[in-house]
């Protein structure tokens, strides 16, 4: 398969920063996708569906591209789905519900060829065990980082690490929003190995 330009179907600065770590050129665009869960939809099914729908939403606008879609949800032990809180009150509620419990984060990933329709899709799990959090700690954390656009109401790359007892999974990048290990595997199967990609010659002057 002949490699094509990469497009990240996201306006998230967190996902852009993660994808830059692979040192592959890419552009990004914001997809228009409804993130509302369907009736009876599991967290894994939702994450997979949203990742694919975000990639497909840009296929007509960006022919000739491989499109990367990703989305994340979190699930409490009883199956309750936590999405992006959007405001302080919902974020505080999510953290109170998570306090003292394991929370499963499910990050959907899709790689779509806009021309042929070829698609790879998966869901990367990562479990976080929250320590027992006081209301004072929750309010202090939210005031510092305001993670209202983050599933589960925390920023893994910042002070969010202070909320946890333990982390378990193969790729901590998935907690930030883009499972780079799985994406690298997909790209290698499609003929783009970041380690073997030609790079422009460095200016040594």
Protein backbone atom coordinates (compact mmCIF):
# COMPACT_ATOMS: atom_id res chain seq x y z
CA UNK A 1 0.00 0.00 0.00
CA UNK A 2 1.37 3.40 -0.96
CA UNK A 3 1.63 5.71 2.07
CA UNK A 4 -0.63 8.76 2.12
CA UNK A 5 -0.59 11.99 4.14
CA UNK A 6 -1.87 11.66 7.70
CA UNK A 7 -4.81 13.62 9.05
CA UNK A 8 -5.68 13.69 12.74
CA UNK A 9 -9.45 13.96 13.14
CA UNK A 10 -9.30 16.05 16.28
CA UNK A 11 -8.91 19.61 17.51
CA UNK A 12 -7.48 18.36 20.82
CA UNK A 13 -4.09 19.88 21.67
CA UNK A 14 -3.38 16.78 23.78
CA UNK A 15 -3.78 14.42 20.82
CA UNK A 16 -1.76 16.67 18.54
CA UNK A 17 1.10 16.72 21.04
CA UNK A 18 1.00 12.94 21.33
CA UNK A 19 1.00 12.34 17.58
CA UNK A 20 3.98 14.67 17.19
CA UNK A 21 6.00 12.14 19.19
CA UNK A 22 5.97 9.74 16.21
CA UNK A 23 7.77 12.44 14.17
CA UNK A 24 5.55 11.91 11.15
CA UNK A 25 4.15 14.92 9.28
CA UNK A 26 0.40 15.36 9.74
CA UNK A 27 -2.37 17.90 9.63
CA UNK A 28 -5.44 18.07 11.84
CA UNK A 29 -9.06 19.05 11.46
CA UNK A 30 -12.04 19.03 13.77
CA UNK A 31 -14.72 16.46 12.92
CA UNK A 32 -18.41 17.07 13.52
CA UNK A 33 -19.48 13.96 15.42
CA UNK A 34 -22.28 13.42 17.92
CA UNK A 35 -20.72 11.91 21.06
CA UNK A 36 -24.02 10.96 22.72
CA UNK A 37 -24.06 7.27 23.80
CA UNK A 38 -26.72 5.08 22.23
CA UNK A 39 -29.26 3.34 24.43
CA UNK A 40 -27.64 0.28 25.99
CA UNK A 41 -24.26 1.00 24.38
CA UNK A 42 -21.26 -0.26 26.32
CA UNK A 43 -18.24 1.90 26.96
CA UNK A 44 -16.08 -0.16 24.59
CA UNK A 45 -18.66 -0.03 21.80
CA UNK A 46 -19.03 3.74 22.27
CA UNK A 47 -15.27 4.37 22.14
CA UNK A 48 -14.89 2.30 18.96
CA UNK A 49 -17.90 3.89 17.28
CA UNK A 50 -16.83 7.45 18.06
CA UNK A 51 -13.27 6.88 16.84
CA UNK A 52 -14.57 5.54 13.54
CA UNK A 53 -17.26 8.20 13.14
CA UNK A 54 -14.74 10.99 13.68
CA UNK A 55 -12.48 9.57 10.98
CA UNK A 56 -15.36 9.03 8.54
CA UNK A 57 -16.70 12.54 9.17
CA UNK A 58 -13.66 14.00 7.38
CA UNK A 59 -13.24 11.47 4.58
CA UNK A 60 -15.11 13.50 1.95
CA UNK A 61 -13.25 16.70 2.82
CA UNK A 62 -9.81 15.08 2.79
CA UNK A 63 -9.48 12.57 -0.05
CA UNK A 64 -6.04 11.06 -0.46
CA UNK A 65 -5.43 10.88 3.30
CA UNK A 66 -5.13 8.29 6.01
CA UNK A 67 -7.34 9.62 8.76
CA UNK A 68 -6.74 8.94 12.45
CA UNK A 69 -9.79 9.05 14.71
CA UNK A 70 -9.76 8.60 18.46
CA UNK A 71 -12.13 9.04 21.36
CA UNK A 72 -12.15 8.10 25.01
CA UNK A 73 -14.69 7.14 27.64
CA UNK A 74 -14.33 5.95 31.21
CA UNK A 75 -16.38 3.33 33.00
CA UNK A 76 -17.03 2.94 36.72
CA UNK A 77 -17.17 -0.59 38.16
CA UNK A 78 -20.98 -0.62 37.80
CA UNK A 79 -20.71 0.19 34.08
CA UNK A 80 -21.60 3.87 34.40
CA UNK A 81 -19.97 5.78 31.54
CA UNK A 82 -18.03 8.96 32.28
CA UNK A 83 -17.47 11.30 29.35
CA UNK A 84 -16.11 14.86 29.18
CA UNK A 85 -17.69 16.73 32.09
CA UNK A 86 -17.92 20.13 30.42
CA UNK A 87 -18.18 22.10 33.67
CA UNK A 88 -17.02 22.24 37.28
CA UNK A 89 -20.08 20.67 38.85
CA UNK A 90 -20.04 17.56 36.67
CA UNK A 91 -16.27 17.21 37.03
CA UNK A 92 -16.55 17.29 40.83
CA UNK A 93 -19.32 14.70 40.68
CA UNK A 94 -17.23 12.42 38.45
CA UNK A 95 -14.24 12.60 40.79
CA UNK A 96 -16.42 11.88 43.83
CA UNK A 97 -17.85 8.82 42.04
CA UNK A 98 -14.34 7.66 41.08
CA UNK A 99 -12.81 8.20 44.53
CA UNK A 100 -11.56 4.93 46.02
CA UNK A 101 -12.52 2.88 42.96
CA UNK A 102 -10.90 1.38 39.87
CA UNK A 103 -12.00 3.17 36.70
CA UNK A 104 -11.53 1.60 33.27
CA UNK A 105 -10.54 4.03 30.55
CA UNK A 106 -11.37 2.90 27.03
CA UNK A 107 -9.73 4.70 24.14
CA UNK A 108 -11.07 3.99 20.68
CA UNK A 109 -8.67 4.25 17.74
CA UNK A 110 -9.46 4.14 14.02
CA UNK A 111 -7.24 4.43 10.96
CA UNK A 112 -9.19 5.05 7.75
CA UNK A 113 -8.09 5.30 4.13
CA UNK A 114 -10.34 8.08 2.85
CA UNK A 115 -10.20 6.76 -0.73
CA UNK A 116 -10.57 2.98 -0.42
CA UNK A 117 -12.52 2.91 2.84
CA UNK A 118 -10.03 0.49 4.36
CA UNK A 119 -10.38 0.66 8.14
CA UNK A 120 -8.60 -0.63 11.21
CA UNK A 121 -10.25 -0.08 14.55
CA UNK A 122 -9.63 -1.10 18.15
CA UNK A 123 -10.25 -0.15 21.75
CA UNK A 124 -7.29 0.24 24.11
CA UNK A 125 -8.10 -0.40 27.81
CA UNK A 126 -6.25 1.20 30.71
CA UNK A 127 -7.27 0.91 34.35
CA UNK A 128 -6.76 3.62 36.93
CA UNK A 129 -7.31 3.12 40.64
CA UNK A 130 -8.28 6.37 42.32
CA UNK A 131 -7.22 6.88 45.90
CA UNK A 132 -9.77 8.09 48.45
CA UNK A 133 -10.19 11.78 47.67
CA UNK A 134 -11.55 14.38 50.05
CA UNK A 135 -13.88 17.09 48.81
CA UNK A 136 -11.15 19.60 49.59
CA UNK A 137 -8.66 17.73 47.38
CA UNK A 138 -11.18 17.47 44.55
CA UNK A 139 -11.95 21.19 44.65
CA UNK A 140 -8.26 22.08 44.86
CA UNK A 141 -7.43 19.86 41.90
CA UNK A 142 -10.22 21.22 39.72
CA UNK A 143 -9.26 24.80 40.55
CA UNK A 144 -5.67 24.09 39.46
CA UNK A 145 -6.22 22.20 36.19
CA UNK A 146 -9.87 22.70 35.17
CA UNK A 147 -9.96 19.41 33.20
CA UNK A 148 -13.47 19.97 31.91
CA UNK A 149 -12.64 18.77 28.39
CA UNK A 150 -11.11 15.48 29.59
CA UNK A 151 -12.95 12.18 30.02
CA UNK A 152 -12.88 11.26 33.71
CA UNK A 153 -12.13 14.84 34.79
CA UNK A 154 -8.35 14.72 35.05
CA UNK A 155 -5.21 15.45 33.05
CA UNK A 156 -2.82 12.51 33.18
CA UNK A 157 0.06 14.67 31.93
CA UNK A 158 -0.34 17.09 34.84
CA UNK A 159 -1.47 16.98 38.47
CA UNK A 160 -3.92 14.20 37.63
CA UNK A 161 -1.21 11.74 38.69
CA UNK A 162 -1.76 12.84 42.31
CA UNK A 163 -5.29 11.40 42.25
CA UNK A 164 -4.24 7.77 41.81
CA UNK A 165 -3.08 4.77 43.80
CA UNK A 166 -2.11 2.68 40.78
CA UNK A 167 -2.15 2.50 37.00
CA UNK A 168 -2.40 -0.64 34.89
CA UNK A 169 -2.19 -1.00 31.12
CA UNK A 170 0.21 -1.26 28.21
CA UNK A 171 0.15 2.34 26.99
CA UNK A 172 -0.22 5.34 29.33
CA UNK A 173 -0.56 7.59 26.27
CA UNK A 174 -4.06 6.22 25.86
CA UNK A 175 -5.04 7.99 29.08
CA UNK A 176 -4.13 11.30 27.46
CA UNK A 177 -6.22 10.43 24.42
CA UNK A 178 -4.21 8.62 21.72
CA UNK A 179 -2.81 5.06 22.08
CA UNK A 180 0.51 5.49 20.33
CA UNK A 181 1.63 1.86 20.62
CA UNK A 182 -1.49 0.62 18.83
CA UNK A 183 -1.31 3.44 16.27
CA UNK A 184 2.33 2.64 15.51
CA UNK A 185 1.37 -1.01 14.97
CA UNK A 186 -1.39 0.01 12.54
CA UNK A 187 0.86 2.38 10.60
CA UNK A 188 3.58 -0.27 10.31
CA UNK A 189 1.05 -2.73 8.90
CA UNK A 190 0.02 -0.08 6.37
CA UNK A 191 3.62 0.55 5.33
CA UNK A 192 4.61 3.59 7.40
CA UNK A 193 7.19 2.74 10.04
CA UNK A 194 8.10 5.91 11.98
CA UNK A 195 11.61 4.56 12.61
CA UNK A 196 12.25 3.99 8.91
CA UNK A 197 10.55 7.12 7.58
CA UNK A 198 12.78 9.39 5.51
CA UNK A 199 13.49 12.67 7.27
CA UNK A 200 14.51 15.98 5.71
CA UNK A 201 18.24 16.57 6.01
CA UNK A 202 19.11 18.68 9.04
CA UNK A 203 20.57 22.11 8.50
CA UNK A 204 24.07 21.84 10.00
CA UNK A 205 25.12 25.41 9.36
